[in-house]
Amino acid sequence: MPAKRMCLNAIRSPRGLVGMQPVQVPSTVEQRKSPRRPCTTTVMFENYLTGNYFEGRMVNYSREGMCFESDIALTIGTEIFIGVEKSPYSPNYEVFRAKVMWSRALTLKESYYSVGVGVRYC
């Protein structure tokens, strides 16, 4: 099985990121089996293969995955580790392995970050 590469695309450059690239847009049909629960906390995510770290903010979570915001657009299918500072699952710092299911550009009115990312836990 060939190794997957993580593709990073900067959407806007509020803090020094350069370049404009389109991101994948999620479908509008609800496909989740578990309800989403709002939760805002800091996350760090790492490319499973390269070990590169980035930061973001969790927006919501469910039993199967989560949505977070970042300035890095990840390619659909990329596997990452996500560290959650104040996890809704336990009082301690948690780390989850997840697969990117969708990403979309965010406007400045929606978020301080430029990309929304949805992941499913592996």
Protein backbone atom coordinates (compact mmCIF):
# COMPACT_ATOMS: atom_id res chain seq x y z
CA MET A 1 0.00 0.00 0.00
CA PRO A 2 1.57 3.32 -1.03
CA ALA A 3 2.05 5.98 1.64
CA LYS A 4 -0.37 8.92 1.53
CA ARG A 5 1.02 12.42 1.25
CA MET A 6 -0.49 15.32 3.11
CA CYS A 7 -1.19 18.29 0.87
CA LEU A 8 -1.29 21.68 2.57
CA ASN A 9 -3.09 24.58 0.95
CA ALA A 10 -3.09 28.03 2.54
CA ILE A 11 -6.46 29.70 1.98
CA ARG A 12 -5.74 33.22 3.20
CA SER A 13 -2.71 34.72 4.84
CA PRO A 14 -3.73 36.50 8.06
CA ARG A 15 -0.61 35.29 9.89
CA GLY A 16 2.04 34.89 7.20
CA LEU A 17 0.69 31.98 5.15
CA VAL A 18 1.07 32.58 1.43
CA GLY A 19 -0.96 31.38 -1.56
CA MET A 20 -4.55 30.83 -2.56
CA GLN A 21 -5.82 27.33 -3.35
CA PRO A 22 -9.37 25.97 -3.59
CA VAL A 23 -10.50 23.42 -1.02
CA GLN A 24 -13.05 20.63 -1.24
CA VAL A 25 -16.62 21.59 -0.34
CA PRO A 26 -18.65 19.16 1.79
CA SER A 27 -21.97 17.85 0.55
CA THR A 28 -25.05 19.38 2.13
CA VAL A 29 -26.64 16.00 2.97
CA GLU A 30 -26.29 15.02 6.63
CA GLN A 31 -24.29 11.77 6.77
CA ARG A 32 -23.47 11.53 10.48
CA LYS A 33 -24.78 8.66 12.60
CA SER A 34 -24.26 10.48 15.91
CA PRO A 35 -25.39 13.99 16.84
CA ARG A 36 -22.80 16.75 16.90
CA ARG A 37 -22.16 18.47 20.20
CA PRO A 38 -20.71 21.98 20.36
CA CYS A 39 -17.34 22.25 22.09
CA THR A 40 -14.69 24.92 21.63
CA THR A 41 -11.15 24.05 22.68
CA THR A 42 -7.61 24.20 21.34
CA VAL A 43 -6.34 21.32 19.20
CA MET A 44 -2.98 20.40 17.71
CA PHE A 45 -2.90 18.11 14.71
CA GLU A 46 -0.04 16.16 13.22
CA ASN A 47 0.43 14.54 9.83
CA TYR A 48 0.53 10.79 10.54
CA LEU A 49 3.37 10.24 8.03
CA THR A 50 5.53 13.39 8.27
CA GLY A 51 5.13 14.42 11.91
CA ASN A 52 4.46 18.09 11.03
CA TYR A 53 2.35 19.88 13.70
CA PHE A 54 -0.27 22.59 13.26
CA GLU A 55 -2.81 24.20 15.59
CA GLY A 56 -6.49 24.91 15.40
CA ARG A 57 -9.74 25.07 17.34
CA MET A 58 -12.36 22.34 17.77
CA VAL A 59 -15.87 23.51 16.92
CA ASN A 60 -17.93 20.37 17.60
CA TYR A 61 -17.58 16.61 18.07
CA SER A 62 -19.56 13.40 17.90
CA ARG A 63 -18.98 9.74 18.69
CA GLU A 64 -17.45 9.20 15.22
CA GLY A 65 -15.50 12.42 14.59
CA MET A 66 -15.08 16.14 15.00
CA CYS A 67 -14.98 19.45 13.18
CA PHE A 68 -12.12 21.86 13.76
CA GLU A 69 -10.86 25.11 12.26
CA SER A 70 -7.31 25.85 11.14
CA ASP A 71 -5.31 27.82 8.61
CA ILE A 72 -4.19 24.61 6.89
CA ALA A 73 -6.45 22.85 4.36
CA LEU A 74 -5.89 19.10 4.44
CA THR A 75 -6.53 16.78 1.51
CA ILE A 76 -9.50 14.44 1.88
CA GLY A 77 -8.28 11.02 2.99
CA THR A 78 -5.23 12.32 4.89
CA GLU A 79 -4.67 10.56 8.23
CA ILE A 80 -3.74 12.79 11.17
CA PHE A 81 -3.33 12.68 14.93
CA ILE A 82 -5.36 15.28 16.81
CA GLY A 83 -4.44 16.38 20.32
CA VAL A 84 -7.31 17.93 22.26
CA GLU A 85 -6.28 20.18 25.15
CA LYS A 86 -9.53 20.09 27.18
CA SER A 87 -11.15 16.98 25.79
CA PRO A 88 -14.92 16.58 26.07
CA TYR A 89 -14.27 12.84 26.41
CA SER A 90 -12.14 13.03 29.57
CA PRO A 91 -10.60 15.65 31.90
CA ASN A 92 -7.13 14.93 30.49
CA TYR A 93 -5.36 15.79 27.25
CA GLU A 94 -6.52 13.31 24.57
CA VAL A 95 -5.01 12.21 21.25
CA PHE A 96 -7.09 10.74 18.42
CA ARG A 97 -6.15 9.24 15.08
CA ALA A 98 -8.52 10.49 12.38
CA LYS A 99 -9.08 10.66 8.63
CA VAL A 100 -10.03 13.91 6.85
CA MET A 101 -13.52 13.60 5.35
CA TRP A 102 -14.02 17.19 4.12
CA SER A 103 -12.60 20.70 4.26
CA ARG A 104 -14.00 24.07 3.24
CA ALA A 105 -12.90 27.68 3.17
CA LEU A 106 -14.25 29.92 5.95
CA THR A 107 -14.90 33.63 5.69
CA LEU A 108 -13.60 36.18 8.17
CA LYS A 109 -17.20 36.56 9.41
CA GLU A 110 -17.38 32.83 10.22
CA SER A 111 -14.04 32.38 11.97
CA TYR A 112 -10.61 33.74 12.78
CA TYR A 113 -9.28 30.63 11.00
CA SER A 114 -9.47 30.17 7.22
CA VAL A 115 -10.48 26.48 6.88
CA GLY A 116 -13.06 24.18 8.47
CA VAL A 117 -12.08 20.48 8.54
CA GLY A 118 -14.26 17.45 9.30
CA VAL A 119 -12.62 14.20 10.41
CA ARG A 120 -13.74 10.68 11.27
CA TYR A 121 -11.88 8.79 13.98
CA CYS A 122 -9.88 5.75 12.81
